[in-house]
Amino acid sequence: MPVVKLTLAYDGTAYVGWQLQPNGPSIQAEVERALSTLHKAPRRVTAAGRTDAGVHARGQVCSFPEAAPLPLRAYVRGMNALLPADVAVVAAAVEAEGFDARRSARGKRYRYTIENRETRLPLTRTTAWQVFRPLDAGAMRDAAARLVGRHDFAAFQASDCDAAHAVRELRRLDVEGGGRGTIQVVAEATAFVKHMVRNLVGTLVEVGLGKQPPAWAGEVLAGRDRTRAGPTAPAHGLCLDEVFYSGGAGHLS
């Protein structure tokens, strides 16, 4: 059976996260509601990743098997007419049988935004962590370089993470910008454990503030103790940029 693949963008501010939950509105619920209206029958989708409450996306991917897919424009224009203003389908495709947004993914890229200014910026209050004390972006880059590679990231794993282990391959951890402006931490890996990016960012900010030297990040990684790492960065600064699949743009080999 063919599989419909949807690429989504959303502002996660008003949602409890991607996944269906009884305690508030979710992105998944909005997407499935729109799909059910289009197909005039219930549809359930699988996402590449379960973004948390307040987390945003530019390139989330979801999929569902469909014996008779609608024209692709129906999944873009039609769904966007049904979805709320803070959720949109940006692309649609039909994949071969067996494709699954989560299991077929080869990796993901997240982007975390920090506004390092002297005063607050109202326009980015829901999309960036606003840090007022000066950050040393050079020191943050030094620390980030010590974390790239295949490691046990238990020190950066949420305590309630249900993953079997925390060994992951972090292919990229870049700190872009600086100098009393916008700083973005770009993390790319084959997979992430729960809160991994936010905990990495929290640790890098400790270094940027001068509370710890860059070498400390490597020591935290080796210690595999979550209590030694920095605080979890706020959810609203995080955005799922892109999900990678074999043969596509940004392919992870």
C-alpha atoms as a PDB file:
ATOM      1  CA  MET A   1       0.000   0.000   0.000  1.00  0.00           C
ATOM      2  CA  PRO A   2       1.376   3.477  -0.808  1.00  0.00           C
ATOM      3  CA  VAL A   3       2.363   5.776   2.053  1.00  0.00           C
ATOM      4  CA  VAL A   4       1.643   9.506   2.180  1.00  0.00           C
ATOM      5  CA  LYS A   5       4.515  11.574   3.603  1.00  0.00           C
ATOM      6  CA  LEU A   6       3.765  15.058   4.923  1.00  0.00           C
ATOM      7  CA  THR A   7       6.359  17.665   5.926  1.00  0.00           C
ATOM      8  CA  LEU A   8       5.033  20.033   8.573  1.00  0.00           C
ATOM      9  CA  ALA A   9       5.954  23.347  10.125  1.00  0.00           C
ATOM     10  CA  TYR A  10       4.417  24.567  13.371  1.00  0.00           C
ATOM     11  CA  ASP A  11       4.651  26.979  16.247  1.00  0.00           C
ATOM     12  CA  GLY A  12       4.427  24.729  19.285  1.00  0.00           C
ATOM     13  CA  THR A  13       3.626  27.478  21.790  1.00  0.00           C
ATOM     14  CA  ALA A  14      -0.049  26.599  22.280  1.00  0.00           C
ATOM     15  CA  TYR A  15       0.372  22.829  22.250  1.00  0.00           C
ATOM     16  CA  VAL A  16       1.252  20.081  24.720  1.00  0.00           C
ATOM     17  CA  GLY A  17       3.604  18.681  22.089  1.00  0.00           C
ATOM     18  CA  TRP A  18       3.283  16.490  19.032  1.00  0.00           C
ATOM     19  CA  GLN A  19       1.689  13.461  20.641  1.00  0.00           C
ATOM     20  CA  LEU A  20      -1.996  13.025  21.481  1.00  0.00           C
ATOM     21  CA  GLN A  21      -2.507  13.734  25.182  1.00  0.00           C
ATOM     22  CA  PRO A  22      -5.613  14.114  27.360  1.00  0.00           C
ATOM     23  CA  ASN A  23      -4.394  17.299  29.068  1.00  0.00           C
ATOM     24  CA  GLY A  24      -4.432  19.695  26.111  1.00  0.00           C
ATOM     25  CA  PRO A  25      -4.268  20.257  22.338  1.00  0.00           C
ATOM     26  CA  SER A  26      -1.561  18.475  20.352  1.00  0.00           C
ATOM     27  CA  ILE A  27      -0.145  18.894  16.858  1.00  0.00           C
ATOM     28  CA  GLN A  28      -0.989  15.272  16.059  1.00  0.00           C
ATOM     29  CA  ALA A  29      -4.646  15.837  16.911  1.00  0.00           C
ATOM     30  CA  GLU A  30      -4.857  18.840  14.569  1.00  0.00           C
ATOM     31  CA  VAL A  31      -3.186  16.969  11.705  1.00  0.00           C
ATOM     32  CA  GLU A  32      -5.354  13.895  12.106  1.00  0.00           C
ATOM     33  CA  ARG A  33      -8.494  16.014  12.342  1.00  0.00           C
ATOM     34  CA  ALA A  34      -7.674  17.721   9.045  1.00  0.00           C
ATOM     35  CA  LEU A  35      -6.808  14.422   7.356  1.00  0.00           C
ATOM     36  CA  SER A  36     -10.008  12.812   8.579  1.00  0.00           C
ATOM     37  CA  THR A  37     -11.996  15.686   7.103  1.00  0.00           C
ATOM     38  CA  LEU A  38     -10.216  15.368   3.742  1.00  0.00           C
ATOM     39  CA  HIS A  39     -10.677  11.600   3.550  1.00  0.00           C
ATOM     40  CA  LYS A  40     -14.093  11.594   5.243  1.00  0.00           C
ATOM     41  CA  ALA A  41     -12.806   8.806   7.477  1.00  0.00           C
ATOM     42  CA  PRO A  42     -10.419   8.592  10.468  1.00  0.00           C
ATOM     43  CA  ARG A  43      -6.680   8.651   9.793  1.00  0.00           C
ATOM     44  CA  ARG A  44      -3.804   8.028  12.227  1.00  0.00           C
ATOM     45  CA  VAL A  45      -0.293   9.287  11.477  1.00  0.00           C
ATOM     46  CA  THR A  46       3.215   8.388  12.636  1.00  0.00           C
ATOM     47  CA  ALA A  47       5.717  11.208  13.227  1.00  0.00           C
ATOM     48  CA  ALA A  48       9.484  11.199  12.857  1.00  0.00           C
ATOM     49  CA  GLY A  49       9.795  12.471  16.441  1.00  0.00           C
ATOM     50  CA  ARG A  50       7.658  13.522  19.380  1.00  0.00           C
ATOM     51  CA  THR A  51       8.455  17.169  19.990  1.00  0.00           C
ATOM     52  CA  ASP A  52       7.723  18.370  23.527  1.00  0.00           C
ATOM     53  CA  ALA A  53       5.346  21.102  24.670  1.00  0.00           C
ATOM     54  CA  GLY A  54       6.478  24.477  23.329  1.00  0.00           C
ATOM     55  CA  VAL A  55       8.957  23.030  20.809  1.00  0.00           C
ATOM     56  CA  HIS A  56       8.625  24.208  17.203  1.00  0.00           C
ATOM     57  CA  ALA A  57       9.272  22.608  13.815  1.00  0.00           C
ATOM     58  CA  ARG A  58      10.260  23.671  10.319  1.00  0.00           C
ATOM     59  CA  GLY A  59      10.619  20.128   9.002  1.00  0.00           C
ATOM     60  CA  GLN A  60       8.669  17.613  11.066  1.00  0.00           C
ATOM     61  CA  VAL A  61       7.608  14.587   9.012  1.00  0.00           C
ATOM     62  CA  CYS A  62       4.605  12.335   9.456  1.00  0.00           C
ATOM     63  CA  SER A  63       3.254   9.478   7.374  1.00  0.00           C
ATOM     64  CA  PHE A  64       0.285   7.170   6.983  1.00  0.00           C
ATOM     65  CA  PRO A  65      -0.613   4.291   4.624  1.00  0.00           C
ATOM     66  CA  GLU A  66      -3.274   5.201   2.072  1.00  0.00           C
ATOM     67  CA  ALA A  67      -4.679   2.844  -0.549  1.00  0.00           C
ATOM     68  CA  ALA A  68      -5.950   5.707  -2.720  1.00  0.00           C
ATOM     69  CA  PRO A  69      -3.910   8.853  -2.026  1.00  0.00           C
ATOM     70  CA  LEU A  70      -5.512  12.173  -2.868  1.00  0.00           C
ATOM     71  CA  PRO A  71      -3.779  14.577  -5.280  1.00  0.00           C
ATOM     72  CA  LEU A  72      -0.764  16.045  -3.506  1.00  0.00           C
ATOM     73  CA  ARG A  73      -2.193  19.564  -3.690  1.00  0.00           C
ATOM     74  CA  ALA A  74      -5.067  18.367  -1.485  1.00  0.00           C
ATOM     75  CA  TYR A  75      -2.612  17.500   1.283  1.00  0.00           C
ATOM     76  CA  VAL A  76      -0.996  20.939   1.051  1.00  0.00           C
ATOM     77  CA  ARG A  77      -3.676  23.433   0.081  1.00  0.00           C
ATOM     78  CA  GLY A  78      -6.589  21.402   1.378  1.00  0.00           C
ATOM     79  CA  MET A  79      -5.092  20.642   4.769  1.00  0.00           C
ATOM     80  CA  ASN A  80      -3.797  24.182   5.216  1.00  0.00           C
ATOM     81  CA  ALA A  81      -7.353  25.422   4.765  1.00  0.00           C
ATOM     82  CA  LEU A  82      -8.396  23.123   7.619  1.00  0.00           C
ATOM     83  CA  LEU A  83      -5.426  23.474   9.982  1.00  0.00           C
ATOM     84  CA  PRO A  84      -5.052  26.288  12.545  1.00  0.00           C
ATOM     85  CA  ALA A  85      -2.787  29.209  11.631  1.00  0.00           C
ATOM     86  CA  ASP A  86       0.120  27.892  13.721  1.00  0.00           C
ATOM     87  CA  VAL A  87       0.342  24.527  11.887  1.00  0.00           C
ATOM     88  CA  ALA A  88       0.994  24.023   8.160  1.00  0.00           C
ATOM     89  CA  VAL A  89       1.793  21.311   5.637  1.00  0.00           C
ATOM     90  CA  VAL A  90       4.753  22.570   3.601  1.00  0.00           C
ATOM     91  CA  ALA A  91       5.211  19.536   1.326  1.00  0.00           C
ATOM     92  CA  ALA A  92       3.561  16.223   0.470  1.00  0.00           C
ATOM     93  CA  ALA A  93       4.779  13.122  -1.323  1.00  0.00           C
ATOM     94  CA  VAL A  94       3.725   9.522  -1.925  1.00  0.00           C
ATOM     95  CA  GLU A  95       6.315   6.956  -0.863  1.00  0.00           C
ATOM     96  CA  ALA A  96       6.557   3.236  -1.532  1.00  0.00           C
ATOM     97  CA  GLU A  97       5.015   0.647   0.743  1.00  0.00           C
ATOM     98  CA  GLY A  98       7.094   0.188   3.886  1.00  0.00           C
ATOM     99  CA  PHE A  99       8.068   3.828   4.337  1.00  0.00           C
ATOM    100  CA  ASP A 100       7.585   5.020   7.913  1.00  0.00           C
ATOM    101  CA  ALA A 101       8.331   8.569   9.067  1.00  0.00           C
ATOM    102  CA  ARG A 102      10.006   7.345  12.240  1.00  0.00           C
ATOM    103  CA  ARG A 103      11.580   3.998  11.354  1.00  0.00           C
ATOM    104  CA  SER A 104      12.832   5.128   7.923  1.00  0.00           C
ATOM    105  CA  ALA A 105      14.554   8.263   9.269  1.00  0.00           C
ATOM    106  CA  ARG A 106      18.346   8.312   9.047  1.00  0.00           C
ATOM    107  CA  GLY A 107      18.816  11.311  11.303  1.00  0.00           C
ATOM    108  CA  LYS A 108      17.515  14.673  12.450  1.00  0.00           C
ATOM    109  CA  ARG A 109      18.760  18.230  12.735  1.00  0.00           C
ATOM    110  CA  TYR A 110      17.625  20.542  15.525  1.00  0.00           C
ATOM    111  CA  ARG A 111      18.346  24.240  15.864  1.00  0.00           C
ATOM    112  CA  TYR A 112      18.284  25.980  19.245  1.00  0.00           C
ATOM    113  CA  THR A 113      18.109  29.786  19.291  1.00  0.00           C
ATOM    114  CA  ILE A 114      19.486  32.010  22.044  1.00  0.00           C
ATOM    115  CA  GLU A 115      19.067  35.781  22.060  1.00  0.00           C
ATOM    116  CA  ASN A 116      22.051  37.110  23.977  1.00  0.00           C
ATOM    117  CA  ARG A 117      21.046  40.746  24.420  1.00  0.00           C
ATOM    118  CA  GLU A 118      21.063  43.287  27.233  1.00  0.00           C
ATOM    119  CA  THR A 119      17.270  43.583  27.245  1.00  0.00           C
ATOM    120  CA  ARG A 120      14.392  41.295  26.375  1.00  0.00           C
ATOM    121  CA  LEU A 121      13.053  41.042  22.837  1.00  0.00           C
ATOM    122  CA  PRO A 122       9.253  40.704  22.788  1.00  0.00           C
ATOM    123  CA  LEU A 123       9.147  39.440  19.202  1.00  0.00           C
ATOM    124  CA  THR A 124      11.223  36.326  19.960  1.00  0.00           C
ATOM    125  CA  ARG A 125       9.921  35.568  23.442  1.00  0.00           C
ATOM    126  CA  THR A 126       8.283  32.307  22.243  1.00  0.00           C
ATOM    127  CA  THR A 127      11.035  31.181  19.857  1.00  0.00           C
ATOM    128  CA  ALA A 128      14.321  31.872  21.658  1.00  0.00           C
ATOM    129  CA  TRP A 129      15.906  31.571  25.096  1.00  0.00           C
ATOM    130  CA  GLN A 130      16.717  35.128  26.107  1.00  0.00           C
ATOM    131  CA  VAL A 131      19.972  35.200  28.066  1.00  0.00           C
ATOM    132  CA  PHE A 132      20.999  38.659  29.267  1.00  0.00           C
ATOM    133  CA  ARG A 133      24.486  37.997  30.657  1.00  0.00           C
ATOM    134  CA  PRO A 134      27.222  37.975  27.963  1.00  0.00           C
ATOM    135  CA  LEU A 135      28.010  34.568  26.474  1.00  0.00           C
ATOM    136  CA  ASP A 136      31.448  33.597  25.188  1.00  0.00           C
ATOM    137  CA  ALA A 137      30.483  31.884  21.929  1.00  0.00           C
ATOM    138  CA  GLY A 138      34.103  30.875  21.308  1.00  0.00           C
ATOM    139  CA  ALA A 139      34.240  28.937  24.568  1.00  0.00           C
ATOM    140  CA  MET A 140      30.889  27.342  23.725  1.00  0.00           C
ATOM    141  CA  ARG A 141      32.295  26.207  20.359  1.00  0.00           C
ATOM    142  CA  ASP A 142      35.344  24.728  22.101  1.00  0.00           C
ATOM    143  CA  ALA A 143      33.075  22.813  24.487  1.00  0.00           C
ATOM    144  CA  ALA A 144      30.762  21.651  21.695  1.00  0.00           C
ATOM    145  CA  ALA A 145      33.654  20.141  19.734  1.00  0.00           C
ATOM    146  CA  ARG A 146      34.356  17.812  22.673  1.00  0.00           C
ATOM    147  CA  LEU A 147      30.884  16.285  22.426  1.00  0.00           C
ATOM    148  CA  VAL A 148      30.769  15.332  18.741  1.00  0.00           C
ATOM    149  CA  GLY A 149      31.016  11.636  17.904  1.00  0.00           C
ATOM    150  CA  ARG A 150      29.539   8.346  19.009  1.00  0.00           C
ATOM    151  CA  HIS A 151      29.195   8.369  22.791  1.00  0.00           C
ATOM    152  CA  ASP A 152      26.976   7.364  25.673  1.00  0.00           C
ATOM    153  CA  PHE A 153      24.971  10.563  26.252  1.00  0.00           C
ATOM    154  CA  ALA A 154      23.470   9.456  29.569  1.00  0.00           C
ATOM    155  CA  ALA A 155      24.630  12.754  31.129  1.00  0.00           C
ATOM    156  CA  PHE A 156      22.324  14.595  28.729  1.00  0.00           C
ATOM    157  CA  GLN A 157      19.335  12.257  28.957  1.00  0.00           C
ATOM    158  CA  ALA A 158      16.081  13.094  30.751  1.00  0.00           C
ATOM    159  CA  SER A 159      15.516  11.047  33.895  1.00  0.00           C
ATOM    160  CA  ASP A 160      12.195   9.729  32.560  1.00  0.00           C
ATOM    161  CA  CYS A 161      13.556   8.749  29.130  1.00  0.00           C
ATOM    162  CA  ASP A 162      12.427   5.247  28.184  1.00  0.00           C
ATOM    163  CA  ALA A 163      15.203   4.561  25.643  1.00  0.00           C
ATOM    164  CA  ALA A 164      17.020   1.266  26.132  1.00  0.00           C
ATOM    165  CA  HIS A 165      20.373   3.066  26.165  1.00  0.00           C
ATOM    166  CA  ALA A 166      21.849   6.517  25.537  1.00  0.00           C
ATOM    167  CA  VAL A 167      24.511   5.654  22.943  1.00  0.00           C
ATOM    168  CA  ARG A 168      24.044   8.007  20.019  1.00  0.00           C
ATOM    169  CA  GLU A 169      26.166   9.406  17.173  1.00  0.00           C
ATOM    170  CA  LEU A 170      26.259  13.190  17.324  1.00  0.00           C
ATOM    171  CA  ARG A 171      27.493  14.150  13.870  1.00  0.00           C
ATOM    172  CA  ARG A 172      27.347  17.903  14.302  1.00  0.00           C
ATOM    173  CA  LEU A 173      27.159  20.356  17.201  1.00  0.00           C
ATOM    174  CA  ASP A 174      27.846  23.858  15.911  1.00  0.00           C
ATOM    175  CA  VAL A 175      27.586  27.166  17.755  1.00  0.00           C
ATOM    176  CA  GLU A 176      26.776  29.878  15.241  1.00  0.00           C
ATOM    177  CA  GLY A 177      26.890  33.624  15.856  1.00  0.00           C
ATOM    178  CA  GLY A 178      27.737  35.472  19.036  1.00  0.00           C
ATOM    179  CA  GLY A 179      28.908  38.904  20.067  1.00  0.00           C
ATOM    180  CA  ARG A 180      25.840  40.148  21.932  1.00  0.00           C
ATOM    181  CA  GLY A 181      23.413  38.941  19.296  1.00  0.00           C
ATOM    182  CA  THR A 182      21.700  35.768  18.157  1.00  0.00           C
ATOM    183  CA  ILE A 183      23.432  32.481  18.906  1.00  0.00           C
ATOM    184  CA  GLN A 184      22.191  29.254  17.367  1.00  0.00           C
ATOM    185  CA  VAL A 185      23.227  25.762  18.429  1.00  0.00           C
ATOM    186  CA  VAL A 186      22.780  23.299  15.570  1.00  0.00           C
ATOM    187  CA  ALA A 187      22.712  19.617  16.517  1.00  0.00           C
ATOM    188  CA  GLU A 188      22.597  16.785  14.000  1.00  0.00           C
ATOM    189  CA  ALA A 189      22.554  13.110  14.918  1.00  0.00           C
ATOM    190  CA  THR A 190      21.293   9.752  13.793  1.00  0.00           C
ATOM    191  CA  ALA A 191      18.936   9.879  16.799  1.00  0.00           C
ATOM    192  CA  PHE A 192      18.541  11.711  20.108  1.00  0.00           C
ATOM    193  CA  VAL A 193      17.506  10.693  23.619  1.00  0.00           C
ATOM    194  CA  LYS A 194      14.802  12.678  25.405  1.00  0.00           C
ATOM    195  CA  HIS A 195      15.820  16.310  26.136  1.00  0.00           C
ATOM    196  CA  MET A 196      19.303  15.647  24.751  1.00  0.00           C
ATOM    197  CA  VAL A 197      19.546  18.839  22.695  1.00  0.00           C
ATOM    198  CA  ARG A 198      18.133  21.026  25.463  1.00  0.00           C
ATOM    199  CA  ASN A 199      20.549  19.500  27.992  1.00  0.00           C
ATOM    200  CA  LEU A 200      23.486  19.965  25.628  1.00  0.00           C
ATOM    201  CA  VAL A 201      22.512  23.620  25.172  1.00  0.00           C
ATOM    202  CA  GLY A 202      22.129  24.136  28.911  1.00  0.00           C
ATOM    203  CA  THR A 203      25.627  22.752  29.397  1.00  0.00           C
ATOM    204  CA  LEU A 204      27.120  24.935  26.654  1.00  0.00           C
ATOM    205  CA  VAL A 205      25.513  28.017  28.195  1.00  0.00           C
ATOM    206  CA  GLU A 206      27.185  27.229  31.533  1.00  0.00           C
ATOM    207  CA  VAL A 207      30.492  27.350  29.659  1.00  0.00           C
ATOM    208  CA  GLY A 208      29.486  30.494  27.784  1.00  0.00           C
ATOM    209  CA  LEU A 209      28.702  32.249  31.061  1.00  0.00           C
ATOM    210  CA  GLY A 210      32.164  31.377  32.380  1.00  0.00           C
ATOM    211  CA  LYS A 211      30.828  29.102  35.121  1.00  0.00           C
ATOM    212  CA  GLN A 212      32.803  26.165  33.720  1.00  0.00           C
ATOM    213  CA  PRO A 213      35.789  25.753  31.338  1.00  0.00           C
ATOM    214  CA  PRO A 214      35.253  24.152  27.910  1.00  0.00           C
ATOM    215  CA  ALA A 215      36.994  20.938  29.016  1.00  0.00           C
ATOM    216  CA  TRP A 216      34.232  20.419  31.600  1.00  0.00           C
ATOM    217  CA  ALA A 217      31.773  19.449  28.840  1.00  0.00           C
ATOM    218  CA  GLY A 218      33.930  16.445  27.936  1.00  0.00           C
ATOM    219  CA  GLU A 219      34.228  15.489  31.604  1.00  0.00           C
ATOM    220  CA  VAL A 220      30.441  15.589  31.995  1.00  0.00           C
ATOM    221  CA  LEU A 221      30.031  13.395  28.916  1.00  0.00           C
ATOM    222  CA  ALA A 222      32.523  10.839  30.204  1.00  0.00           C
ATOM    223  CA  GLY A 223      30.918  10.812  33.667  1.00  0.00           C
ATOM    224  CA  ARG A 224      27.485   9.843  32.281  1.00  0.00           C
ATOM    225  CA  ASP A 225      25.852  11.531  35.289  1.00  0.00           C
ATOM    226  CA  ARG A 226      22.918  13.830  34.488  1.00  0.00           C
ATOM    227  CA  THR A 227      23.320  15.718  37.768  1.00  0.00           C
ATOM    228  CA  ARG A 228      26.754  16.996  36.676  1.00  0.00           C
ATOM    229  CA  ALA A 229      25.533  18.578  33.419  1.00  0.00           C
ATOM    230  CA  GLY A 230      23.984  21.989  32.939  1.00  0.00           C
ATOM    231  CA  PRO A 231      20.280  22.776  33.330  1.00  0.00           C
ATOM    232  CA  THR A 232      17.726  21.836  30.696  1.00  0.00           C
ATOM    233  CA  ALA A 233      17.337  24.772  28.312  1.00  0.00           C
ATOM    234  CA  PRO A 234      13.754  26.071  27.882  1.00  0.00           C
ATOM    235  CA  ALA A 235      11.667  24.201  25.311  1.00  0.00           C
ATOM    236  CA  HIS A 236      10.599  27.259  23.329  1.00  0.00           C
ATOM    237  CA  GLY A 237      14.089  27.886  21.900  1.00  0.00           C
ATOM    238  CA  LEU A 238      14.153  24.508  20.167  1.00  0.00           C
ATOM    239  CA  CYS A 239      13.085  23.820  16.587  1.00  0.00           C
ATOM    240  CA  LEU A 240      13.138  20.560  14.601  1.00  0.00           C
ATOM    241  CA  ASP A 241      14.772  21.724  11.369  1.00  0.00           C
ATOM    242  CA  GLU A 242      14.883  18.645   9.183  1.00  0.00           C
ATOM    243  CA  VAL A 243      14.501  14.871   9.172  1.00  0.00           C
ATOM    244  CA  PHE A 244      16.861  12.961   6.882  1.00  0.00           C
ATOM    245  CA  TYR A 245      15.967   9.945   4.748  1.00  0.00           C
ATOM    246  CA  SER A 246      18.086   7.823   2.399  1.00  0.00           C
ATOM    247  CA  GLY A 247      18.734   9.492  -0.913  1.00  0.00           C
ATOM    248  CA  GLY A 248      17.119  12.806   0.052  1.00  0.00           C
ATOM    249  CA  ALA A 249      18.515  16.282   0.594  1.00  0.00           C
ATOM    250  CA  GLY A 250      20.847  16.381   3.562  1.00  0.00           C
ATOM    251  CA  HIS A 251      21.294  12.598   3.321  1.00  0.00           C
ATOM    252  CA  LEU A 252      23.208  11.104   6.218  1.00  0.00           C
ATOM    253  CA  SER A 253      25.436   8.330   4.891  1.00  0.00           C
END
